[in-house]
Each structure stands twice: as C-alpha cells, then as structure tokens.
Amino acid sequence: MNSYTHPLTIEQAGKLRALLKETGFTFAPKPYTIFFAQKNKLSVAVYEKGPKVLMQGKGVEEFVQFELEPKILGEAKLGYEEVHMPEMFEPHVGVDESGKGDFFGPLVVAGVYVDAAIARRFLDAGVQDSKRIGSDARVRALAKTIRETPGVATDVVLIGPERYNALYEKFENLNKLLGWGHARVIENLLAKKPDCPRSLSDQFADARVIQQSLLQRGRKIDIQQRTKAESDIAVAAASILAREAFINWLERRGKLLGMRLGRGVSVDVKETAAKLVEAKGPGILCEIAKVHFRTAHEIAPDNYAAPPVRASFRK
C-alpha cells in the first residue's frame, strides 16, 4: 500500500498535526490543505475539504496501523476489512459511472466482478473511489492493476455524446438512461460470470429500472443499491475504470480538436464551448457534449432549448 485516505474531524486533524510534529515530520505550505508534512518518503496532507487525510509514499500501511488508527482514529480497520465488511469479500459485481455531471464527454458505466481473493488484491494495491484520486496517472495505473488481477471480470460501456443525446431524448430521464447503462454492464458481466449472485451500485433510482431490462433477457440477479456504495471495493474499482475511459475520451477528442476539453461545467468549459461553436458551428456540441445541459442553451440559444425546470437530480 502506498496511498491511504480517510475523513477526519477538526479535532482529529489537530491531534494528527501534534503527532506528526512529535515524530519529526517537516511541515510545508500546500494549497487547499490545513497542513502538509513529510518525513523520509512518507507525506501526509490534511485537506480543508472534508477535512480528510491523504497519506502517500513508503511506510503508509505501518503509519496507519501503528500511529493513525490507535492514536487518532481510535479504531483498527486496516487489515481487518473481512471482519468489518464481510459482504465486500463475497462474489458480486460493483457498478459505477463517470461523466454524468460533465458537459463535455461521454457517460461511461463500468462494472467489476470480485470475490474474496480479488477484493484483497485490490485493497492491497490501494484501489479506492476514483473521486479520492487526484492524479490521472494514478487512475490509469490502478485501472491497469484492476484489469490484470487474476480472476477478475470487467466491462465498460462508453456512451459517446451523440449516442447519449439520442438516448436522453428517447428516455427523457437521466435515471432511466443510467439504469439502461447499468443493465448493459451487468448483462455483459453475467455472460462472463453467470453464477454471480448480486450487483451493487450507488443509489440513483428504483432498482426496478435496472431489473426490468435484465429480466427481459431471463437474467436473475439481486440488484442492490445504497448510498456511499463506493466504500465497497468492487464499486470503487468500477469507478476507476469508468473514470479512466472518460478522461481518455476527453484527451483524445481534445487533441483532434486542438483544444483542451475541461471537466465539469466551469467557466473555462463554457468558454471552450463558445470558441468551438464559433469555429465549427453549433452542431459540434452534439458531437462532444451533453446538450440537455443548460450550458448548451447558454452557448447556442437558437439551437438548443433551455431545459425544463425539474426536481434536482438525486443519485
């Protein structure tokens, strides 16, 4: 293990700072952190958002087990996952998506099958929810590890913008589109692992949205959804594969256009979209973006209608 992340309270962050100071860590300023410290090849950053601690480098596992958990967190979890989360080590499929909230790029749904041996290998390799990984290089390295793990089965369904826009017009509902994507991934993985008893994903809609599509093909699997499903190692692995496919698409298409396609719906994203529309016409948005976003209407109001006012999306 060379990376570890865990949420902290403000009080725990203060205790950790004192512990690091006592044990000879050197502190240095770093953006967006409450503090950042290093000793030998181990770095410890406590970020303002959360707050949360991110440890990287040599000796992470030892520091977590012998310093952080007993002295700061007051609990022993690392290495005892089978005790605390036994269901995570049972055979199942984890499903997650990437690109849902990004104007540019596809919607990617990925799934990963794990059993006890695969789950342990993933944990030892540092697999975690992709939202906790700040480096694209790290996402790609972990994705490679996931795909090369013995016994694993993976599937990635990339719904490019043109296909996405057509499906959204058909379904007129993001939850239904997500359910369709999840069902495709689960079916593909069941073809590889037909005895898999259940799938797990984050809560985004009634599970029947997925089940109805699967049952049409005679599939029998327990569809489970829960909040914060990314704490499950299979779902975390799926999030990494989905993220990798998403960032690779943005990078490839950006190179073809000669322009960087940013993530999210930031001011920079809107400026890029406006430049592309000016250079190539409003139709370019159908090829590279999700045009039901209000951003499309803001950039090309004569070509893309403003979205209707709806209840906020809840995953």
C-alpha atoms as a PDB file:
ATOM      1  CA  MET A   1       0.000   0.000   0.000  1.00  0.00           C
ATOM      2  CA  ASN A   2       1.400   3.402  -0.979  1.00  0.00           C
ATOM      3  CA  SER A   3      -1.724   5.565  -0.607  1.00  0.00           C
ATOM      4  CA  TYR A   4      -4.396   5.943   2.082  1.00  0.00           C
ATOM      5  CA  THR A   5      -7.317   8.359   2.531  1.00  0.00           C
ATOM      6  CA  HIS A   6      -9.662   8.799   5.487  1.00  0.00           C
ATOM      7  CA  PRO A   7     -12.049  11.543   6.668  1.00  0.00           C
ATOM      8  CA  LEU A   8     -11.112  13.406   9.851  1.00  0.00           C
ATOM      9  CA  THR A   9     -12.815  15.702  12.317  1.00  0.00           C
ATOM     10  CA  ILE A  10     -11.212  19.069  13.069  1.00  0.00           C
ATOM     11  CA  GLU A  11     -10.215  17.698  16.472  1.00  0.00           C
ATOM     12  CA  GLN A  12      -8.568  14.653  14.877  1.00  0.00           C
ATOM     13  CA  ALA A  13      -6.722  16.887  12.422  1.00  0.00           C
ATOM     14  CA  GLY A  14      -5.297  18.861  15.341  1.00  0.00           C
ATOM     15  CA  LYS A  15      -4.197  15.679  17.105  1.00  0.00           C
ATOM     16  CA  LEU A  16      -2.564  14.412  13.922  1.00  0.00           C
ATOM     17  CA  ARG A  17      -0.634  17.664  13.494  1.00  0.00           C
ATOM     18  CA  ALA A  18       0.704  17.333  17.036  1.00  0.00           C
ATOM     19  CA  LEU A  19       1.624  13.679  16.453  1.00  0.00           C
ATOM     20  CA  LEU A  20       3.496  14.484  13.254  1.00  0.00           C
ATOM     21  CA  LYS A  21       5.379  17.287  14.964  1.00  0.00           C
ATOM     22  CA  GLU A  22       6.361  14.999  17.852  1.00  0.00           C
ATOM     23  CA  THR A  23       7.614  12.297  15.492  1.00  0.00           C
ATOM     24  CA  GLY A  24       9.861  14.566  13.430  1.00  0.00           C
ATOM     25  CA  PHE A  25       7.824  15.428  10.343  1.00  0.00           C
ATOM     26  CA  THR A  26       8.716  18.612   8.471  1.00  0.00           C
ATOM     27  CA  PHE A  27       5.825  20.935   7.606  1.00  0.00           C
ATOM     28  CA  ALA A  28       5.481  22.959   4.406  1.00  0.00           C
ATOM     29  CA  PRO A  29       2.675  25.037   2.838  1.00  0.00           C
ATOM     30  CA  LYS A  30       0.500  23.367   0.203  1.00  0.00           C
ATOM     31  CA  PRO A  31      -2.642  24.728  -1.496  1.00  0.00           C
ATOM     32  CA  TYR A  32      -6.044  23.594  -0.185  1.00  0.00           C
ATOM     33  CA  THR A  33      -4.576  21.887   2.868  1.00  0.00           C
ATOM     34  CA  ILE A  34      -4.874  22.572   6.578  1.00  0.00           C
ATOM     35  CA  PHE A  35      -1.317  21.291   6.772  1.00  0.00           C
ATOM     36  CA  PHE A  36       1.177  19.211   4.816  1.00  0.00           C
ATOM     37  CA  ALA A  37       4.086  17.298   6.312  1.00  0.00           C
ATOM     38  CA  GLN A  38       6.829  14.934   5.177  1.00  0.00           C
ATOM     39  CA  LYS A  39       9.315  12.561   6.730  1.00  0.00           C
ATOM     40  CA  ASN A  40      11.676  10.437   4.693  1.00  0.00           C
ATOM     41  CA  LYS A  41       9.486   9.141   1.829  1.00  0.00           C
ATOM     42  CA  LEU A  42       6.125   9.491   3.586  1.00  0.00           C
ATOM     43  CA  SER A  43       3.908  12.532   3.014  1.00  0.00           C
ATOM     44  CA  VAL A  44       0.784  13.466   4.981  1.00  0.00           C
ATOM     45  CA  ALA A  45      -1.697  16.047   3.684  1.00  0.00           C
ATOM     46  CA  VAL A  46      -4.842  17.072   5.544  1.00  0.00           C
ATOM     47  CA  TYR A  47      -7.154  18.800   3.082  1.00  0.00           C
ATOM     48  CA  GLU A  48      -9.598  21.568   4.001  1.00  0.00           C
ATOM     49  CA  LYS A  49     -12.413  19.888   2.101  1.00  0.00           C
ATOM     50  CA  GLY A  50     -13.762  17.203   4.405  1.00  0.00           C
ATOM     51  CA  PRO A  51     -11.407  17.539   6.129  1.00  0.00           C
ATOM     52  CA  LYS A  52      -9.614  14.385   5.088  1.00  0.00           C
ATOM     53  CA  VAL A  53      -6.105  12.985   5.338  1.00  0.00           C
ATOM     54  CA  LEU A  54      -4.171  11.669   2.346  1.00  0.00           C
ATOM     55  CA  MET A  55      -1.001   9.676   3.025  1.00  0.00           C
ATOM     56  CA  GLN A  56       1.345   8.674   0.244  1.00  0.00           C
ATOM     57  CA  GLY A  57       4.744   7.067  -0.090  1.00  0.00           C
ATOM     58  CA  LYS A  58       6.777   4.471   1.708  1.00  0.00           C
ATOM     59  CA  GLY A  59       5.527   3.279   5.095  1.00  0.00           C
ATOM     60  CA  VAL A  60       1.871   4.238   4.699  1.00  0.00           C
ATOM     61  CA  GLU A  61       0.494   0.941   5.995  1.00  0.00           C
ATOM     62  CA  GLU A  62       2.729   0.915   9.066  1.00  0.00           C
ATOM     63  CA  PHE A  63       1.889   4.523   9.954  1.00  0.00           C
ATOM     64  CA  VAL A  64      -1.853   3.894   9.613  1.00  0.00           C
ATOM     65  CA  GLN A  65      -1.794   0.716  11.702  1.00  0.00           C
ATOM     66  CA  PHE A  66       0.558   1.857  14.464  1.00  0.00           C
ATOM     67  CA  GLU A  67       0.018   5.632  14.634  1.00  0.00           C
ATOM     68  CA  LEU A  68      -3.091   6.954  12.883  1.00  0.00           C
ATOM     69  CA  GLU A  69      -5.645   4.285  13.837  1.00  0.00           C
ATOM     70  CA  PRO A  70      -4.747   3.742  17.519  1.00  0.00           C
ATOM     71  CA  LYS A  71      -3.739   7.316  18.381  1.00  0.00           C
ATOM     72  CA  ILE A  72      -6.015   9.464  16.186  1.00  0.00           C
ATOM     73  CA  LEU A  73      -8.955   7.460  14.826  1.00  0.00           C
ATOM     74  CA  GLY A  74      -9.369   5.161  17.816  1.00  0.00           C
ATOM     75  CA  GLU A  75     -10.234   2.160  15.681  1.00  0.00           C
ATOM     76  CA  ALA A  76      -8.429  -0.661  13.899  1.00  0.00           C
ATOM     77  CA  LYS A  77      -9.732  -1.206  10.382  1.00  0.00           C
ATOM     78  CA  LEU A  78      -6.776  -1.574   8.032  1.00  0.00           C
ATOM     79  CA  GLY A  79      -6.142  -5.281   7.563  1.00  0.00           C
ATOM     80  CA  TYR A  80      -9.441  -6.171   9.263  1.00  0.00           C
ATOM     81  CA  GLU A  81     -11.765  -5.410   6.375  1.00  0.00           C
ATOM     82  CA  GLU A  82     -13.006  -9.016   6.265  1.00  0.00           C
ATOM     83  CA  VAL A  83     -14.234  -8.599   9.855  1.00  0.00           C
ATOM     84  CA  HIS A  84     -15.855  -5.176   9.426  1.00  0.00           C
ATOM     85  CA  MET A  85     -17.236  -5.659   5.872  1.00  0.00           C
ATOM     86  CA  PRO A  86     -17.569  -9.394   5.165  1.00  0.00           C
ATOM     87  CA  GLU A  87     -20.076  -8.843   2.344  1.00  0.00           C
ATOM     88  CA  MET A  88     -17.399  -6.971   0.378  1.00  0.00           C
ATOM     89  CA  PHE A  89     -15.464 -10.226   0.032  1.00  0.00           C
ATOM     90  CA  GLU A  90     -18.388 -12.258  -1.233  1.00  0.00           C
ATOM     91  CA  PRO A  91     -18.707 -12.733  -5.024  1.00  0.00           C
ATOM     92  CA  HIS A  92     -20.518  -9.752  -6.531  1.00  0.00           C
ATOM     93  CA  VAL A  93     -20.388  -7.093  -9.229  1.00  0.00           C
ATOM     94  CA  GLY A  94     -19.796  -3.419  -8.474  1.00  0.00           C
ATOM     95  CA  VAL A  95     -21.091  -0.819 -10.953  1.00  0.00           C
ATOM     96  CA  ASP A  96     -20.339   2.894 -11.164  1.00  0.00           C
ATOM     97  CA  GLU A  97     -20.307   5.682 -13.736  1.00  0.00           C
ATOM     98  CA  SER A  98     -18.305   8.723 -14.779  1.00  0.00           C
ATOM     99  CA  GLY A  99     -19.122  11.821 -16.821  1.00  0.00           C
ATOM    100  CA  LYS A 100     -22.687  12.261 -15.582  1.00  0.00           C
ATOM    101  CA  GLY A 101     -22.083  15.804 -14.349  1.00  0.00           C
ATOM    102  CA  ASP A 102     -19.629  16.859 -17.061  1.00  0.00           C
ATOM    103  CA  PHE A 103     -20.800  18.930 -20.030  1.00  0.00           C
ATOM    104  CA  PHE A 104     -18.099  17.613 -22.356  1.00  0.00           C
ATOM    105  CA  GLY A 105     -17.563  13.954 -22.963  1.00  0.00           C
ATOM    106  CA  PRO A 106     -19.394  10.652 -22.725  1.00  0.00           C
ATOM    107  CA  LEU A 107     -21.279   8.903 -19.978  1.00  0.00           C
ATOM    108  CA  VAL A 108     -19.263   5.846 -19.002  1.00  0.00           C
ATOM    109  CA  VAL A 109     -20.658   2.952 -16.974  1.00  0.00           C
ATOM    110  CA  ALA A 110     -18.238   0.290 -15.730  1.00  0.00           C
ATOM    111  CA  GLY A 111     -18.580  -2.910 -13.762  1.00  0.00           C
ATOM    112  CA  VAL A 112     -16.126  -5.153 -11.935  1.00  0.00           C
ATOM    113  CA  TYR A 113     -16.644  -8.666 -10.566  1.00  0.00           C
ATOM    114  CA  VAL A 114     -14.804  -9.532  -7.359  1.00  0.00           C
ATOM    115  CA  ASP A 115     -14.509 -12.445  -4.971  1.00  0.00           C
ATOM    116  CA  ALA A 116     -12.519 -12.690  -1.729  1.00  0.00           C
ATOM    117  CA  ALA A 117      -9.112 -13.076  -3.391  1.00  0.00           C
ATOM    118  CA  ILE A 118      -9.716 -10.258  -5.888  1.00  0.00           C
ATOM    119  CA  ALA A 119     -11.036  -7.909  -3.185  1.00  0.00           C
ATOM    120  CA  ARG A 120      -7.941  -8.454  -1.054  1.00  0.00           C
ATOM    121  CA  ARG A 121      -5.625  -7.812  -4.018  1.00  0.00           C
ATOM    122  CA  PHE A 122      -7.485  -4.588  -4.802  1.00  0.00           C
ATOM    123  CA  LEU A 123      -7.213  -3.372  -1.201  1.00  0.00           C
ATOM    124  CA  ASP A 124      -3.503  -4.164  -1.073  1.00  0.00           C
ATOM    125  CA  ALA A 125      -2.984  -2.283  -4.354  1.00  0.00           C
ATOM    126  CA  GLY A 126      -4.669   0.851  -2.978  1.00  0.00           C
ATOM    127  CA  VAL A 127      -7.858   0.706  -5.048  1.00  0.00           C
ATOM    128  CA  GLN A 128     -10.322   3.321  -3.807  1.00  0.00           C
ATOM    129  CA  ASP A 129     -13.128   5.540  -5.062  1.00  0.00           C
ATOM    130  CA  SER A 130     -11.832   7.495  -8.070  1.00  0.00           C
ATOM    131  CA  LYS A 131     -13.093  10.764  -6.560  1.00  0.00           C
ATOM    132  CA  ARG A 132     -10.384  10.382  -3.920  1.00  0.00           C
ATOM    133  CA  ILE A 133      -7.650  10.109  -6.554  1.00  0.00           C
ATOM    134  CA  GLY A 134      -6.296  13.450  -7.716  1.00  0.00           C
ATOM    135  CA  SER A 135      -3.920  12.196 -10.415  1.00  0.00           C
ATOM    136  CA  ASP A 136      -4.938  10.913 -13.845  1.00  0.00           C
ATOM    137  CA  ALA A 137      -1.705   8.919 -13.929  1.00  0.00           C
ATOM    138  CA  ARG A 138      -2.709   7.165 -10.703  1.00  0.00           C
ATOM    139  CA  VAL A 139      -6.187   6.425 -12.090  1.00  0.00           C
ATOM    140  CA  ARG A 140      -4.613   4.827 -15.164  1.00  0.00           C
ATOM    141  CA  ALA A 141      -2.098   2.827 -13.118  1.00  0.00           C
ATOM    142  CA  LEU A 142      -4.830   1.438 -10.864  1.00  0.00           C
ATOM    143  CA  ALA A 143      -7.042   0.669 -13.861  1.00  0.00           C
ATOM    144  CA  LYS A 144      -4.210  -1.409 -15.318  1.00  0.00           C
ATOM    145  CA  THR A 145      -3.818  -3.247 -11.999  1.00  0.00           C
ATOM    146  CA  ILE A 146      -7.563  -3.960 -11.868  1.00  0.00           C
ATOM    147  CA  ARG A 147      -7.678  -5.388 -15.393  1.00  0.00           C
ATOM    148  CA  GLU A 148      -4.607  -7.569 -14.799  1.00  0.00           C
ATOM    149  CA  THR A 149      -5.796  -9.082 -11.491  1.00  0.00           C
ATOM    150  CA  PRO A 150      -6.248 -12.869 -11.839  1.00  0.00           C
ATOM    151  CA  GLY A 151      -9.872 -13.995 -11.899  1.00  0.00           C
ATOM    152  CA  VAL A 152     -11.349 -10.527 -12.355  1.00  0.00           C
ATOM    153  CA  ALA A 153     -14.064  -9.747 -14.898  1.00  0.00           C
ATOM    154  CA  THR A 154     -14.612  -6.179 -16.079  1.00  0.00           C
ATOM    155  CA  ASP A 155     -16.861  -4.380 -18.518  1.00  0.00           C
ATOM    156  CA  VAL A 156     -17.004  -0.768 -19.680  1.00  0.00           C
ATOM    157  CA  VAL A 157     -19.865   0.760 -21.667  1.00  0.00           C
ATOM    158  CA  LEU A 158     -18.961   4.153 -23.112  1.00  0.00           C
ATOM    159  CA  ILE A 159     -21.939   6.145 -24.345  1.00  0.00           C
ATOM    160  CA  GLY A 160     -20.484   8.848 -26.591  1.00  0.00           C
ATOM    161  CA  PRO A 161     -22.156  12.264 -26.740  1.00  0.00           C
ATOM    162  CA  GLU A 162     -24.044  11.623 -29.986  1.00  0.00           C
ATOM    163  CA  ARG A 163     -25.449   8.333 -28.702  1.00  0.00           C
ATOM    164  CA  TYR A 164     -26.020   9.842 -25.255  1.00  0.00           C
ATOM    165  CA  ASN A 165     -28.012  12.754 -26.674  1.00  0.00           C
ATOM    166  CA  ALA A 166     -30.173  10.386 -28.729  1.00  0.00           C
ATOM    167  CA  LEU A 167     -30.822   8.142 -25.719  1.00  0.00           C
ATOM    168  CA  TYR A 168     -31.597  11.089 -23.467  1.00  0.00           C
ATOM    169  CA  GLU A 169     -34.142  12.336 -25.997  1.00  0.00           C
ATOM    170  CA  LYS A 170     -35.668   8.840 -26.022  1.00  0.00           C
ATOM    171  CA  PHE A 171     -35.741   8.297 -22.259  1.00  0.00           C
ATOM    172  CA  GLU A 172     -36.261  11.958 -21.263  1.00  0.00           C
ATOM    173  CA  ASN A 173     -34.886  10.989 -17.863  1.00  0.00           C
ATOM    174  CA  LEU A 174     -31.319  10.598 -16.651  1.00  0.00           C
ATOM    175  CA  ASN A 175     -32.224   7.894 -14.144  1.00  0.00           C
ATOM    176  CA  LYS A 176     -33.697   5.728 -16.912  1.00  0.00           C
ATOM    177  CA  LEU A 177     -30.622   6.284 -19.062  1.00  0.00           C
ATOM    178  CA  LEU A 178     -28.368   5.329 -16.152  1.00  0.00           C
ATOM    179  CA  GLY A 179     -30.479   2.258 -15.476  1.00  0.00           C
ATOM    180  CA  TRP A 180     -30.127   1.249 -19.128  1.00  0.00           C
ATOM    181  CA  GLY A 181     -26.335   1.653 -18.920  1.00  0.00           C
ATOM    182  CA  HIS A 182     -26.095  -0.290 -15.671  1.00  0.00           C
ATOM    183  CA  ALA A 183     -28.206  -3.095 -17.125  1.00  0.00           C
ATOM    184  CA  ARG A 184     -25.939  -3.386 -20.170  1.00  0.00           C
ATOM    185  CA  VAL A 185     -22.842  -3.688 -17.964  1.00  0.00           C
ATOM    186  CA  ILE A 186     -24.447  -6.208 -15.604  1.00  0.00           C
ATOM    187  CA  GLU A 187     -25.638  -8.352 -18.516  1.00  0.00           C
ATOM    188  CA  ASN A 188     -22.176  -8.316 -20.072  1.00  0.00           C
ATOM    189  CA  LEU A 189     -20.581  -9.387 -16.804  1.00  0.00           C
ATOM    190  CA  LEU A 190     -23.178 -12.114 -16.237  1.00  0.00           C
ATOM    191  CA  ALA A 191     -22.098 -13.583 -19.571  1.00  0.00           C
ATOM    192  CA  LYS A 192     -18.593 -13.912 -18.074  1.00  0.00           C
ATOM    193  CA  LYS A 193     -19.629 -14.796 -14.512  1.00  0.00           C
ATOM    194  CA  PRO A 194     -23.089 -16.432 -14.833  1.00  0.00           C
ATOM    195  CA  ASP A 195     -23.171 -17.569 -11.193  1.00  0.00           C
ATOM    196  CA  CYS A 196     -22.639 -14.086  -9.756  1.00  0.00           C
ATOM    197  CA  PRO A 197     -25.473 -13.632  -7.215  1.00  0.00           C
ATOM    198  CA  ARG A 198     -25.712  -9.842  -6.891  1.00  0.00           C
ATOM    199  CA  SER A 199     -24.668  -6.423  -8.121  1.00  0.00           C
ATOM    200  CA  LEU A 200     -24.097  -3.256  -6.113  1.00  0.00           C
ATOM    201  CA  SER A 201     -24.198   0.381  -7.160  1.00  0.00           C
ATOM    202  CA  ASP A 202     -24.804   3.784  -5.660  1.00  0.00           C
ATOM    203  CA  GLN A 203     -28.428   4.754  -5.064  1.00  0.00           C
ATOM    204  CA  PHE A 204     -29.771   6.669  -8.061  1.00  0.00           C
ATOM    205  CA  ALA A 205     -33.234   5.277  -8.787  1.00  0.00           C
ATOM    206  CA  ASP A 206     -35.659   2.483  -8.118  1.00  0.00           C
ATOM    207  CA  ALA A 207     -33.765  -0.783  -8.694  1.00  0.00           C
ATOM    208  CA  ARG A 208     -36.649  -1.909 -10.912  1.00  0.00           C
ATOM    209  CA  VAL A 209     -35.311   0.455 -13.590  1.00  0.00           C
ATOM    210  CA  ILE A 210     -32.415  -1.978 -13.952  1.00  0.00           C
ATOM    211  CA  GLN A 211     -34.255  -5.189 -13.131  1.00  0.00           C
ATOM    212  CA  GLN A 212     -36.916  -4.754 -15.806  1.00  0.00           C
ATOM    213  CA  SER A 213     -34.282  -4.637 -18.528  1.00  0.00           C
ATOM    214  CA  LEU A 214     -32.393  -7.628 -17.150  1.00  0.00           C
ATOM    215  CA  LEU A 215     -35.466  -9.788 -16.639  1.00  0.00           C
ATOM    216  CA  GLN A 216     -36.462  -9.339 -20.280  1.00  0.00           C
ATOM    217  CA  ARG A 217     -33.406 -11.436 -21.090  1.00  0.00           C
ATOM    218  CA  GLY A 218     -34.064 -14.015 -18.407  1.00  0.00           C
ATOM    219  CA  ARG A 219     -31.311 -12.796 -16.111  1.00  0.00           C
ATOM    220  CA  LYS A 220     -31.681 -13.435 -12.391  1.00  0.00           C
ATOM    221  CA  ILE A 221     -29.506 -11.334 -10.136  1.00  0.00           C
ATOM    222  CA  ASP A 222     -30.083  -9.412  -6.921  1.00  0.00           C
ATOM    223  CA  ILE A 223     -29.802  -5.714  -7.790  1.00  0.00           C
ATOM    224  CA  GLN A 224     -28.630  -3.805  -4.718  1.00  0.00           C
ATOM    225  CA  GLN A 225     -28.262  -0.040  -4.374  1.00  0.00           C
ATOM    226  CA  ARG A 226     -27.167   2.011  -1.382  1.00  0.00           C
ATOM    227  CA  THR A 227     -25.726   5.404  -0.591  1.00  0.00           C
ATOM    228  CA  LYS A 228     -21.934   5.639  -0.468  1.00  0.00           C
ATOM    229  CA  ALA A 229     -21.616   2.335  -2.299  1.00  0.00           C
ATOM    230  CA  GLU A 230     -18.135   3.457  -3.368  1.00  0.00           C
ATOM    231  CA  SER A 231     -16.897   2.230   0.017  1.00  0.00           C
ATOM    232  CA  ASP A 232     -17.303  -1.249  -1.492  1.00  0.00           C
ATOM    233  CA  ILE A 233     -14.099  -2.325  -3.265  1.00  0.00           C
ATOM    234  CA  ALA A 234     -15.900  -3.599  -6.391  1.00  0.00           C
ATOM    235  CA  VAL A 235     -17.758  -0.304  -6.838  1.00  0.00           C
ATOM    236  CA  ALA A 236     -14.533   1.622  -6.188  1.00  0.00           C
ATOM    237  CA  ALA A 237     -12.771  -0.438  -8.859  1.00  0.00           C
ATOM    238  CA  ALA A 238     -15.631   0.221 -11.287  1.00  0.00           C
ATOM    239  CA  SER A 239     -15.369   3.953 -10.604  1.00  0.00           C
ATOM    240  CA  ILE A 240     -11.690   3.840 -11.584  1.00  0.00           C
ATOM    241  CA  LEU A 241     -12.341   2.035 -14.872  1.00  0.00           C
ATOM    242  CA  ALA A 242     -15.177   4.433 -15.711  1.00  0.00           C
ATOM    243  CA  ARG A 243     -13.018   7.441 -14.883  1.00  0.00           C
ATOM    244  CA  GLU A 244     -10.135   6.160 -16.967  1.00  0.00           C
ATOM    245  CA  ALA A 245     -12.347   5.699 -20.033  1.00  0.00           C
ATOM    246  CA  PHE A 246     -13.853   9.167 -19.531  1.00  0.00           C
ATOM    247  CA  ILE A 247     -10.555  11.049 -19.215  1.00  0.00           C
ATOM    248  CA  ASN A 248      -9.049   9.114 -22.132  1.00  0.00           C
ATOM    249  CA  TRP A 249     -12.001  10.139 -24.339  1.00  0.00           C
ATOM    250  CA  LEU A 250     -11.637  13.801 -23.384  1.00  0.00           C
ATOM    251  CA  GLU A 251      -7.919  13.691 -24.083  1.00  0.00           C
ATOM    252  CA  ARG A 252      -8.282  12.019 -27.487  1.00  0.00           C
ATOM    253  CA  ARG A 253     -11.085  14.269 -28.677  1.00  0.00           C
ATOM    254  CA  GLY A 254      -9.354  17.373 -27.357  1.00  0.00           C
ATOM    255  CA  LYS A 255      -6.253  16.543 -29.399  1.00  0.00           C
ATOM    256  CA  LEU A 256      -8.348  16.117 -32.539  1.00  0.00           C
ATOM    257  CA  LEU A 257      -9.978  19.500 -31.960  1.00  0.00           C
ATOM    258  CA  GLY A 258      -6.745  21.175 -30.938  1.00  0.00           C
ATOM    259  CA  MET A 259      -8.369  22.371 -27.752  1.00  0.00           C
ATOM    260  CA  ARG A 260      -8.451  21.090 -24.184  1.00  0.00           C
ATOM    261  CA  LEU A 261     -11.880  19.815 -23.144  1.00  0.00           C
ATOM    262  CA  GLY A 262     -12.302  20.562 -19.462  1.00  0.00           C
ATOM    263  CA  ARG A 263     -14.334  18.692 -16.892  1.00  0.00           C
ATOM    264  CA  GLY A 264     -17.470  19.730 -15.064  1.00  0.00           C
ATOM    265  CA  VAL A 265     -19.394  22.848 -16.066  1.00  0.00           C
ATOM    266  CA  SER A 266     -16.887  25.559 -15.200  1.00  0.00           C
ATOM    267  CA  VAL A 267     -16.353  28.994 -16.728  1.00  0.00           C
ATOM    268  CA  ASP A 268     -13.427  27.538 -18.696  1.00  0.00           C
ATOM    269  CA  VAL A 269     -15.680  24.798 -20.075  1.00  0.00           C
ATOM    270  CA  LYS A 270     -18.228  27.363 -21.228  1.00  0.00           C
ATOM    271  CA  GLU A 271     -15.514  29.484 -22.850  1.00  0.00           C
ATOM    272  CA  THR A 272     -14.166  26.453 -24.701  1.00  0.00           C
ATOM    273  CA  ALA A 273     -17.651  25.514 -25.877  1.00  0.00           C
ATOM    274  CA  ALA A 274     -18.254  29.052 -27.155  1.00  0.00           C
ATOM    275  CA  LYS A 275     -14.975  29.007 -29.105  1.00  0.00           C
ATOM    276  CA  LEU A 276     -15.833  25.658 -30.675  1.00  0.00           C
ATOM    277  CA  VAL A 277     -19.315  26.827 -31.673  1.00  0.00           C
ATOM    278  CA  GLU A 278     -17.825  29.967 -33.217  1.00  0.00           C
ATOM    279  CA  ALA A 279     -15.269  27.930 -35.175  1.00  0.00           C
ATOM    280  CA  LYS A 280     -17.335  24.892 -36.174  1.00  0.00           C
ATOM    281  CA  GLY A 281     -20.969  25.837 -35.712  1.00  0.00           C
ATOM    282  CA  PRO A 282     -23.485  24.834 -33.022  1.00  0.00           C
ATOM    283  CA  GLY A 283     -23.732  21.258 -34.310  1.00  0.00           C
ATOM    284  CA  ILE A 284     -20.326  20.499 -32.808  1.00  0.00           C
ATOM    285  CA  LEU A 285     -21.908  20.397 -29.351  1.00  0.00           C
ATOM    286  CA  CYS A 286     -23.955  17.315 -30.300  1.00  0.00           C
ATOM    287  CA  GLU A 287     -20.680  15.520 -31.047  1.00  0.00           C
ATOM    288  CA  ILE A 288     -18.761  16.427 -27.912  1.00  0.00           C
ATOM    289  CA  ALA A 289     -21.237  17.471 -25.202  1.00  0.00           C
ATOM    290  CA  LYS A 290     -24.479  16.639 -23.406  1.00  0.00           C
ATOM    291  CA  VAL A 291     -26.847  19.103 -24.987  1.00  0.00           C
ATOM    292  CA  HIS A 292     -29.659  18.778 -22.440  1.00  0.00           C
ATOM    293  CA  PHE A 293     -27.383  20.698 -20.033  1.00  0.00           C
ATOM    294  CA  ARG A 294     -28.354  24.333 -19.662  1.00  0.00           C
ATOM    295  CA  THR A 295     -24.838  25.186 -20.863  1.00  0.00           C
ATOM    296  CA  ALA A 296     -25.763  24.235 -24.449  1.00  0.00           C
ATOM    297  CA  HIS A 297     -28.689  26.683 -24.411  1.00  0.00           C
ATOM    298  CA  GLU A 298     -26.483  29.405 -22.929  1.00  0.00           C
ATOM    299  CA  ILE A 299     -23.879  28.938 -25.679  1.00  0.00           C
ATOM    300  CA  ALA A 300     -26.270  28.479 -28.620  1.00  0.00           C
ATOM    301  CA  PRO A 301     -29.772  29.579 -27.539  1.00  0.00           C
ATOM    302  CA  ASP A 302     -31.198  29.426 -31.076  1.00  0.00           C
ATOM    303  CA  ASN A 303     -30.203  25.798 -31.476  1.00  0.00           C
ATOM    304  CA  TYR A 304     -30.690  24.260 -28.043  1.00  0.00           C
ATOM    305  CA  ALA A 305     -33.754  24.810 -25.900  1.00  0.00           C
ATOM    306  CA  ALA A 306     -33.489  25.670 -22.249  1.00  0.00           C
ATOM    307  CA  PRO A 307     -34.096  22.568 -20.135  1.00  0.00           C
ATOM    308  CA  PRO A 308     -37.413  22.441 -18.290  1.00  0.00           C
ATOM    309  CA  VAL A 309     -37.384  23.165 -14.586  1.00  0.00           C
ATOM    310  CA  ARG A 310     -37.287  19.827 -12.786  1.00  0.00           C
ATOM    311  CA  ALA A 311     -36.618  18.481  -9.340  1.00  0.00           C
ATOM    312  CA  SER A 312     -32.916  18.315  -8.640  1.00  0.00           C
ATOM    313  CA  PHE A 313     -31.258  15.026  -9.633  1.00  0.00           C
ATOM    314  CA  ARG A 314     -30.585  12.691  -6.748  1.00  0.00           C
ATOM    315  CA  LYS A 315     -28.267   9.770  -7.213  1.00  0.00           C
END
